[in-house]
Full PDB file with SEQRES, HELIX, SHEET, SSBOND, CRYST1, ORIGX, SCALE, CONECT and MASTER records, all heavy atoms in Angstrom:
SEQRES   1 A   35  GLN VAL GLN LEU VAL GLU SER GLY GLY GLY LEU VAL GLN          
SEQRES   2 A   35  PRO GLY GLY SER LEU ARG LEU SER CYS ALA ALA SER LYS          
SEQRES   3 A   35  SER MET VAL VAL ILE ASN VAL MET GLY                          
SHEET    1 AA1 2 LEU A   4  SER A   7  0                                        
SHEET    2 AA1 2 SER A  21  ALA A  24 -1                                        
CRYST1    1.000    1.000    1.000  90.00  90.00  90.00 P 1           1          
ORIGX1      1.000000  0.000000  0.000000        0.00000                         
ORIGX2      0.000000  1.000000  0.000000        0.00000                         
ORIGX3      0.000000  0.000000  1.000000        0.00000                         
SCALE1      1.000000  0.000000  0.000000        0.00000                         
SCALE2      0.000000  1.000000  0.000000        0.00000                         
SCALE3      0.000000  0.000000  1.000000        0.00000                         
ATOM      1  N   GLN A   1     -79.682   5.612 -14.892  1.00  0.00           N  
ATOM      2  CA  GLN A   1     -80.685   4.651 -15.074  1.00  0.00           C  
ATOM      3  C   GLN A   1     -80.774   3.660 -13.918  1.00  0.00           C  
ATOM      4  O   GLN A   1     -79.828   3.469 -13.107  1.00  0.00           O  
ATOM      5  CB  GLN A   1     -80.524   3.870 -16.404  1.00  0.00           C  
ATOM      6  CG  GLN A   1     -79.317   3.010 -16.378  1.00  0.00           C  
ATOM      7  CD  GLN A   1     -78.048   3.754 -16.755  1.00  0.00           C  
ATOM      8  OE1 GLN A   1     -77.410   4.343 -15.775  1.00  0.00           O  
ATOM      9  NE2 GLN A   1     -77.558   3.700 -17.934  1.00  0.00           N  
ATOM     10  N   VAL A   2     -81.922   2.992 -13.792  1.00  0.00           N  
ATOM     11  CA  VAL A   2     -82.078   1.912 -12.683  1.00  0.00           C  
ATOM     12  C   VAL A   2     -81.824   0.552 -13.368  1.00  0.00           C  
ATOM     13  O   VAL A   2     -82.498   0.129 -14.200  1.00  0.00           O  
ATOM     14  CB  VAL A   2     -83.541   2.041 -12.174  1.00  0.00           C  
ATOM     15  CG1 VAL A   2     -83.716   0.939 -11.125  1.00  0.00           C  
ATOM     16  CG2 VAL A   2     -83.840   3.374 -11.629  1.00  0.00           C  
ATOM     17  N   GLN A   3     -80.778  -0.003 -12.831  1.00  0.00           N  
ATOM     18  CA  GLN A   3     -80.430  -1.277 -13.329  1.00  0.00           C  
ATOM     19  C   GLN A   3     -81.184  -2.478 -12.625  1.00  0.00           C  
ATOM     20  O   GLN A   3     -81.436  -3.505 -13.280  1.00  0.00           O  
ATOM     21  CB  GLN A   3     -78.908  -1.540 -13.163  1.00  0.00           C  
ATOM     22  CG  GLN A   3     -78.007  -0.754 -14.019  1.00  0.00           C  
ATOM     23  CD  GLN A   3     -77.767   0.763 -13.461  1.00  0.00           C  
ATOM     24  OE1 GLN A   3     -77.933   0.859 -12.275  1.00  0.00           O  
ATOM     25  NE2 GLN A   3     -77.322   1.527 -14.348  1.00  0.00           N  
ATOM     26  N   LEU A   4     -81.452  -2.302 -11.402  1.00  0.00           N  
ATOM     27  CA  LEU A   4     -82.066  -3.331 -10.577  1.00  0.00           C  
ATOM     28  C   LEU A   4     -83.460  -2.771  -9.994  1.00  0.00           C  
ATOM     29  O   LEU A   4     -83.481  -1.647  -9.417  1.00  0.00           O  
ATOM     30  CB  LEU A   4     -81.248  -3.778  -9.400  1.00  0.00           C  
ATOM     31  CG  LEU A   4     -79.778  -4.230  -9.797  1.00  0.00           C  
ATOM     32  CD1 LEU A   4     -79.032  -4.596  -8.616  1.00  0.00           C  
ATOM     33  CD2 LEU A   4     -79.751  -5.409 -10.778  1.00  0.00           C  
ATOM     34  N   VAL A   5     -84.482  -3.617 -10.088  1.00  0.00           N  
ATOM     35  CA  VAL A   5     -85.746  -3.248  -9.589  1.00  0.00           C  
ATOM     36  C   VAL A   5     -86.238  -4.289  -8.516  1.00  0.00           C  
ATOM     37  O   VAL A   5     -86.405  -5.497  -8.829  1.00  0.00           O  
ATOM     38  CB  VAL A   5     -86.824  -3.095 -10.672  1.00  0.00           C  
ATOM     39  CG1 VAL A   5     -88.212  -2.886 -10.054  1.00  0.00           C  
ATOM     40  CG2 VAL A   5     -86.432  -2.071 -11.665  1.00  0.00           C  
ATOM     41  N   GLU A   6     -86.304  -3.839  -7.242  1.00  0.00           N  
ATOM     42  CA  GLU A   6     -86.640  -4.697  -6.204  1.00  0.00           C  
ATOM     43  C   GLU A   6     -88.213  -4.644  -5.911  1.00  0.00           C  
ATOM     44  O   GLU A   6     -88.876  -3.617  -6.166  1.00  0.00           O  
ATOM     45  CB  GLU A   6     -85.984  -4.307  -4.927  1.00  0.00           C  
ATOM     46  CG  GLU A   6     -84.470  -4.370  -5.069  1.00  0.00           C  
ATOM     47  CD  GLU A   6     -83.765  -4.067  -3.702  1.00  0.00           C  
ATOM     48  OE1 GLU A   6     -84.352  -4.272  -2.611  1.00  0.00           O  
ATOM     49  OE2 GLU A   6     -82.642  -3.541  -3.704  1.00  0.00           O  
ATOM     50  N   SER A   7     -88.750  -5.683  -5.371  1.00  0.00           N  
ATOM     51  CA  SER A   7     -90.134  -5.687  -5.042  1.00  0.00           C  
ATOM     52  C   SER A   7     -90.390  -6.796  -3.978  1.00  0.00           C  
ATOM     53  O   SER A   7     -89.490  -7.713  -3.767  1.00  0.00           O  
ATOM     54  CB  SER A   7     -91.076  -6.030  -6.263  1.00  0.00           C  
ATOM     55  OG  SER A   7     -90.828  -7.317  -6.746  1.00  0.00           O  
ATOM     56  N   GLY A   8     -91.466  -6.812  -3.210  1.00  0.00           N  
ATOM     57  CA  GLY A   8     -91.872  -7.842  -2.286  1.00  0.00           C  
ATOM     58  C   GLY A   8     -91.749  -7.408  -0.865  1.00  0.00           C  
ATOM     59  O   GLY A   8     -92.134  -8.187   0.064  1.00  0.00           O  
ATOM     60  N   GLY A   9     -91.274  -6.343  -0.497  1.00  0.00           N  
ATOM     61  CA  GLY A   9     -91.166  -5.841   0.799  1.00  0.00           C  
ATOM     62  C   GLY A   9     -92.535  -5.550   1.399  1.00  0.00           C  
ATOM     63  O   GLY A   9     -93.506  -5.433   0.628  1.00  0.00           O  
ATOM     64  N   GLY A  10     -92.566  -5.267   2.639  1.00  0.00           N  
ATOM     65  CA  GLY A  10     -93.769  -4.933   3.355  1.00  0.00           C  
ATOM     66  C   GLY A  10     -93.718  -5.314   4.818  1.00  0.00           C  
ATOM     67  O   GLY A  10     -92.651  -5.523   5.444  1.00  0.00           O  
ATOM     68  N   LEU A  11     -94.923  -5.325   5.462  1.00  0.00           N  
ATOM     69  CA  LEU A  11     -95.091  -5.525   6.853  1.00  0.00           C  
ATOM     70  C   LEU A  11     -95.564  -7.014   7.038  1.00  0.00           C  
ATOM     71  O   LEU A  11     -96.497  -7.457   6.237  1.00  0.00           O  
ATOM     72  CB  LEU A  11     -96.153  -4.578   7.416  1.00  0.00           C  
ATOM     73  CG  LEU A  11     -96.533  -4.780   8.813  1.00  0.00           C  
ATOM     74  CD1 LEU A  11     -95.360  -4.678   9.870  1.00  0.00           C  
ATOM     75  CD2 LEU A  11     -97.754  -3.933   9.207  1.00  0.00           C  
ATOM     76  N   VAL A  12     -94.984  -7.683   7.938  1.00  0.00           N  
ATOM     77  CA  VAL A  12     -95.327  -9.115   8.198  1.00  0.00           C  
ATOM     78  C   VAL A  12     -95.220  -9.285   9.761  1.00  0.00           C  
ATOM     79  O   VAL A  12     -94.393  -8.686  10.492  1.00  0.00           O  
ATOM     80  CB  VAL A  12     -94.416  -9.969   7.413  1.00  0.00           C  
ATOM     81  CG1 VAL A  12     -92.851  -9.944   7.859  1.00  0.00           C  
ATOM     82  CG2 VAL A  12     -94.880 -11.468   7.540  1.00  0.00           C  
ATOM     83  N   GLN A  13     -96.045 -10.222  10.220  1.00  0.00           N  
ATOM     84  CA  GLN A  13     -95.989 -10.533  11.619  1.00  0.00           C  
ATOM     85  C   GLN A  13     -94.823 -11.560  11.897  1.00  0.00           C  
ATOM     86  O   GLN A  13     -94.391 -12.297  11.039  1.00  0.00           O  
ATOM     87  CB  GLN A  13     -97.365 -11.173  12.043  1.00  0.00           C  
ATOM     88  CG  GLN A  13     -98.480 -10.302  11.994  1.00  0.00           C  
ATOM     89  CD  GLN A  13     -99.709 -10.902  12.581  1.00  0.00           C  
ATOM     90  OE1 GLN A  13     -99.781 -11.257  13.714  1.00  0.00           O  
ATOM     91  NE2 GLN A  13    -100.804 -10.974  11.693  1.00  0.00           N  
ATOM     92  N   PRO A  14     -94.345 -11.550  13.137  1.00  0.00           N  
ATOM     93  CA  PRO A  14     -93.374 -12.634  13.490  1.00  0.00           C  
ATOM     94  C   PRO A  14     -93.779 -13.981  13.233  1.00  0.00           C  
ATOM     95  O   PRO A  14     -94.992 -14.308  13.426  1.00  0.00           O  
ATOM     96  CB  PRO A  14     -93.120 -12.386  15.057  1.00  0.00           C  
ATOM     97  CG  PRO A  14     -93.502 -10.936  15.246  1.00  0.00           C  
ATOM     98  CD  PRO A  14     -94.605 -10.700  14.243  1.00  0.00           C  
ATOM     99  N   GLY A  15     -92.948 -14.778  12.591  1.00  0.00           N  
ATOM    100  CA  GLY A  15     -93.232 -16.158  12.234  1.00  0.00           C  
ATOM    101  C   GLY A  15     -93.829 -16.108  10.755  1.00  0.00           C  
ATOM    102  O   GLY A  15     -93.919 -17.267  10.196  1.00  0.00           O  
ATOM    103  N   GLY A  16     -94.076 -15.063  10.143  1.00  0.00           N  
ATOM    104  CA  GLY A  16     -94.621 -14.935   8.822  1.00  0.00           C  
ATOM    105  C   GLY A  16     -93.509 -15.040   7.816  1.00  0.00           C  
ATOM    106  O   GLY A  16     -92.381 -15.266   8.061  1.00  0.00           O  
ATOM    107  N   SER A  17     -93.954 -14.894   6.522  1.00  0.00           N  
ATOM    108  CA  SER A  17     -92.996 -14.980   5.308  1.00  0.00           C  
ATOM    109  C   SER A  17     -93.209 -13.910   4.322  1.00  0.00           C  
ATOM    110  O   SER A  17     -94.253 -13.309   4.196  1.00  0.00           O  
ATOM    111  CB  SER A  17     -93.290 -16.274   4.652  1.00  0.00           C  
ATOM    112  OG  SER A  17     -93.095 -17.412   5.502  1.00  0.00           O  
ATOM    113  N   LEU A  18     -92.125 -13.524   3.649  1.00  0.00           N  
ATOM    114  CA  LEU A  18     -92.078 -12.576   2.684  1.00  0.00           C  
ATOM    115  C   LEU A  18     -91.061 -13.152   1.503  1.00  0.00           C  
ATOM    116  O   LEU A  18     -90.148 -13.823   1.866  1.00  0.00           O  
ATOM    117  CB  LEU A  18     -91.603 -11.248   3.045  1.00  0.00           C  
ATOM    118  CG  LEU A  18     -92.521 -10.374   3.770  1.00  0.00           C  
ATOM    119  CD1 LEU A  18     -91.886  -9.081   4.247  1.00  0.00           C  
ATOM    120  CD2 LEU A  18     -93.795  -9.997   2.936  1.00  0.00           C  
ATOM    121  N   ARG A  19     -91.318 -12.886   0.325  1.00  0.00           N  
ATOM    122  CA  ARG A  19     -90.420 -13.106  -0.785  1.00  0.00           C  
ATOM    123  C   ARG A  19     -90.083 -11.881  -1.620  1.00  0.00           C  
ATOM    124  O   ARG A  19     -90.947 -11.165  -2.115  1.00  0.00           O  
ATOM    125  CB  ARG A  19     -91.150 -14.130  -1.768  1.00  0.00           C  
ATOM    126  CG  ARG A  19     -90.220 -14.735  -2.700  1.00  0.00           C  
ATOM    127  CD  ARG A  19     -90.912 -15.405  -3.782  1.00  0.00           C  
ATOM    128  NE  ARG A  19     -90.068 -16.271  -4.621  1.00  0.00           N  
ATOM    129  CZ  ARG A  19     -90.257 -16.616  -5.875  1.00  0.00           C  
ATOM    130  NH1 ARG A  19     -91.474 -16.125  -6.529  1.00  0.00           N  
ATOM    131  NH2 ARG A  19     -89.424 -17.415  -6.534  1.00  0.00           N  
ATOM    132  N   LEU A  20     -88.780 -11.590  -1.549  1.00  0.00           N  
ATOM    133  CA  LEU A  20     -88.294 -10.502  -2.264  1.00  0.00           C  
ATOM    134  C   LEU A  20     -87.811 -10.872  -3.658  1.00  0.00           C  
ATOM    135  O   LEU A  20     -87.224 -11.925  -3.842  1.00  0.00           O  
ATOM    136  CB  LEU A  20     -87.098  -9.793  -1.475  1.00  0.00           C  
ATOM    137  CG  LEU A  20     -87.307  -9.453  -0.024  1.00  0.00           C  
ATOM    138  CD1 LEU A  20     -86.058  -8.814   0.485  1.00  0.00           C  
ATOM    139  CD2 LEU A  20     -88.547  -8.412   0.006  1.00  0.00           C  
ATOM    140  N   SER A  21     -87.973  -9.986  -4.577  1.00  0.00           N  
ATOM    141  CA  SER A  21     -87.527 -10.192  -5.901  1.00  0.00           C  
ATOM    142  C   SER A  21     -86.604  -9.087  -6.317  1.00  0.00           C  
ATOM    143  O   SER A  21     -86.857  -7.906  -5.955  1.00  0.00           O  
ATOM    144  CB  SER A  21     -88.626 -10.357  -6.887  1.00  0.00           C  
ATOM    145  OG  SER A  21     -89.434 -11.481  -6.724  1.00  0.00           O  
ATOM    146  N   CYS A  22     -85.657  -9.351  -7.167  1.00  0.00           N  
ATOM    147  CA  CYS A  22     -84.756  -8.316  -7.739  1.00  0.00           C  
ATOM    148  C   CYS A  22     -84.455  -8.583  -9.132  1.00  0.00           C  
ATOM    149  O   CYS A  22     -83.806  -9.637  -9.467  1.00  0.00           O  
ATOM    150  CB  CYS A  22     -83.498  -8.146  -6.956  1.00  0.00           C  
ATOM    151  SG  CYS A  22     -82.300  -7.034  -7.642  1.00  0.00           S  
ATOM    152  N   ALA A  23     -85.031  -7.863 -10.021  1.00  0.00           N  
ATOM    153  CA  ALA A  23     -84.845  -8.060 -11.563  1.00  0.00           C  
ATOM    154  C   ALA A  23     -83.894  -7.024 -12.046  1.00  0.00           C  
ATOM    155  O   ALA A  23     -84.056  -5.831 -12.023  1.00  0.00           O  
ATOM    156  CB  ALA A  23     -86.143  -7.973 -12.180  1.00  0.00           C  
ATOM    157  N   ALA A  24     -82.755  -7.544 -12.689  1.00  0.00           N  
ATOM    158  CA  ALA A  24     -81.796  -6.803 -13.417  1.00  0.00           C  
ATOM    159  C   ALA A  24     -82.306  -6.378 -14.781  1.00  0.00           C  
ATOM    160  O   ALA A  24     -83.214  -7.155 -15.338  1.00  0.00           O  
ATOM    161  CB  ALA A  24     -80.397  -7.468 -13.432  1.00  0.00           C  
ATOM    162  N   SER A  25     -81.811  -5.259 -15.382  1.00  0.00           N  
ATOM    163  CA  SER A  25     -82.185  -4.887 -16.699  1.00  0.00           C  
ATOM    164  C   SER A  25     -81.914  -6.016 -17.679  1.00  0.00           C  
ATOM    165  O   SER A  25     -80.973  -6.793 -17.506  1.00  0.00           O  
ATOM    166  CB  SER A  25     -81.474  -3.662 -17.118  1.00  0.00           C  
ATOM    167  OG  SER A  25     -81.704  -2.581 -16.191  1.00  0.00           O  
ATOM    168  N   LYS A  26     -82.863  -6.159 -18.674  1.00  0.00           N  
ATOM    169  CA  LYS A  26     -82.685  -7.277 -19.607  1.00  0.00           C  
ATOM    170  C   LYS A  26     -81.380  -7.105 -20.333  1.00  0.00           C  
ATOM    171  O   LYS A  26     -80.748  -8.190 -20.793  1.00  0.00           O  
ATOM    172  CB  LYS A  26     -83.756  -7.094 -20.725  1.00  0.00           C  
ATOM    173  CG  LYS A  26     -85.195  -7.479 -20.135  1.00  0.00           C  
ATOM    174  CD  LYS A  26     -86.269  -7.343 -21.198  1.00  0.00           C  
ATOM    175  CE  LYS A  26     -85.964  -8.447 -22.322  1.00  0.00           C  
ATOM    176  NZ  LYS A  26     -87.128  -8.415 -23.285  1.00  0.00           N  
ATOM    177  N   SER A  27     -80.843  -5.891 -20.525  1.00  0.00           N  
ATOM    178  CA  SER A  27     -79.600  -5.720 -21.267  1.00  0.00           C  
ATOM    179  C   SER A  27     -78.338  -5.982 -20.319  1.00  0.00           C  
ATOM    180  O   SER A  27     -77.192  -6.143 -20.878  1.00  0.00           O  
ATOM    181  CB  SER A  27     -79.441  -4.339 -21.769  1.00  0.00           C  
ATOM    182  OG  SER A  27     -79.454  -3.420 -20.709  1.00  0.00           O  
ATOM    183  N   MET A  28     -78.536  -6.165 -19.021  1.00  0.00           N  
ATOM    184  CA  MET A  28     -77.436  -6.318 -18.190  1.00  0.00           C  
ATOM    185  C   MET A  28     -76.948  -7.784 -18.229  1.00  0.00           C  
ATOM    186  O   MET A  28     -77.596  -8.725 -18.402  1.00  0.00           O  
ATOM    187  CB  MET A  28     -77.875  -6.082 -16.731  1.00  0.00           C  
ATOM    188  CG  MET A  28     -76.739  -6.142 -15.678  1.00  0.00           C  
ATOM    189  SD  MET A  28     -77.320  -5.694 -14.042  1.00  0.00           S  
ATOM    190  CE  MET A  28     -75.733  -5.727 -13.127  1.00  0.00           C  
ATOM    191  N   VAL A  29     -75.558  -7.817 -18.250  1.00  0.00           N  
ATOM    192  CA  VAL A  29     -74.907  -9.138 -18.208  1.00  0.00           C  
ATOM    193  C   VAL A  29     -74.469  -9.435 -16.941  1.00  0.00           C  
ATOM    194  O   VAL A  29     -73.512  -8.904 -16.383  1.00  0.00           O  
ATOM    195  CB  VAL A  29     -73.669  -9.126 -19.224  1.00  0.00           C  
ATOM    196  CG1 VAL A  29     -73.014 -10.446 -19.277  1.00  0.00           C  
ATOM    197  CG2 VAL A  29     -74.139  -8.721 -20.626  1.00  0.00           C  
ATOM    198  N   VAL A  30     -75.148 -10.360 -16.309  1.00  0.00           N  
ATOM    199  CA  VAL A  30     -74.781 -10.739 -14.923  1.00  0.00           C  
ATOM    200  C   VAL A  30     -73.597 -11.820 -15.009  1.00  0.00           C  
ATOM    201  O   VAL A  30     -73.898 -12.932 -15.477  1.00  0.00           O  
ATOM    202  CB  VAL A  30     -76.010 -11.367 -14.160  1.00  0.00           C  
ATOM    203  CG1 VAL A  30     -75.632 -11.830 -12.781  1.00  0.00           C  
ATOM    204  CG2 VAL A  30     -77.134 -10.371 -14.134  1.00  0.00           C  
ATOM    205  N   ILE A  31     -72.508 -11.345 -14.527  1.00  0.00           N  
ATOM    206  CA  ILE A  31     -71.288 -12.204 -14.558  1.00  0.00           C  
ATOM    207  C   ILE A  31     -71.130 -13.127 -13.360  1.00  0.00           C  
ATOM    208  O   ILE A  31     -70.739 -14.299 -13.607  1.00  0.00           O  
ATOM    209  CB  ILE A  31     -70.011 -11.284 -14.741  1.00  0.00           C  
ATOM    210  CG1 ILE A  31     -70.233 -10.408 -16.020  1.00  0.00           C  
ATOM    211  CG2 ILE A  31     -68.782 -12.164 -14.819  1.00  0.00           C  
ATOM    212  CD1 ILE A  31     -70.313 -11.209 -17.201  1.00  0.00           C  
ATOM    213  N   ASN A  32     -71.371 -12.696 -12.300  1.00  0.00           N  
ATOM    214  CA  ASN A  32     -70.981 -13.345 -11.026  1.00  0.00           C  
ATOM    215  C   ASN A  32     -72.017 -13.578  -9.962  1.00  0.00           C  
ATOM    216  O   ASN A  32     -73.115 -14.050 -10.312  1.00  0.00           O  
ATOM    217  CB  ASN A  32     -69.707 -12.783 -10.511  1.00  0.00           C  
ATOM    218  CG  ASN A  32     -68.868 -13.707  -9.595  1.00  0.00           C  
ATOM    219  OD1 ASN A  32     -69.129 -14.931  -9.565  1.00  0.00           O  
ATOM    220  ND2 ASN A  32     -67.861 -13.249  -8.966  1.00  0.00           N  
ATOM    221  N   VAL A  33     -71.688 -12.985  -8.801  1.00  0.00           N  
ATOM    222  CA  VAL A  33     -72.606 -13.143  -7.689  1.00  0.00           C  
ATOM    223  C   VAL A  33     -73.824 -12.218  -7.699  1.00  0.00           C  
ATOM    224  O   VAL A  33     -73.704 -11.045  -8.081  1.00  0.00           O  
ATOM    225  CB  VAL A  33     -71.728 -12.927  -6.397  1.00  0.00           C  
ATOM    226  CG1 VAL A  33     -72.656 -12.927  -5.109  1.00  0.00           C  
ATOM    227  CG2 VAL A  33     -70.719 -14.009  -6.277  1.00  0.00           C  
ATOM    228  N   MET A  34     -74.957 -12.724  -7.253  1.00  0.00           N  
ATOM    229  CA  MET A  34     -76.114 -11.897  -6.987  1.00  0.00           C  
ATOM    230  C   MET A  34     -76.357 -12.096  -5.444  1.00  0.00           C  
ATOM    231  O   MET A  34     -76.156 -13.222  -4.903  1.00  0.00           O  
ATOM    232  CB  MET A  34     -77.340 -12.377  -7.683  1.00  0.00           C  
ATOM    233  CG  MET A  34     -77.134 -12.435  -9.166  1.00  0.00           C  
ATOM    234  SD  MET A  34     -78.580 -12.990 -10.177  1.00  0.00           S  
ATOM    235  CE  MET A  34     -79.530 -11.390 -10.229  1.00  0.00           C  
ATOM    236  N   GLY A  35     -76.781 -10.977  -4.793  1.00  0.00           N  
ATOM    237  CA  GLY A  35     -76.832 -11.194  -3.303  1.00  0.00           C  
ATOM    238  C   GLY A  35     -77.878 -10.163  -2.801  1.00  0.00           C  
ATOM    239  O   GLY A  35     -78.369  -9.255  -3.409  1.00  0.00           O  
TER     240      GLY A  35                                                      
MASTER        0    0    0    0    2    0    0    6  239    1    0    3          
END                                                                             
């Protein structure tokens, strides 16, 4: 199963911005570090 789902990647010009998101499964218990 897929525990983490990433989104937000793509093509951007130098100097531009992007925002990445990573959503863990609702049932997952996040104990410590996310990175």
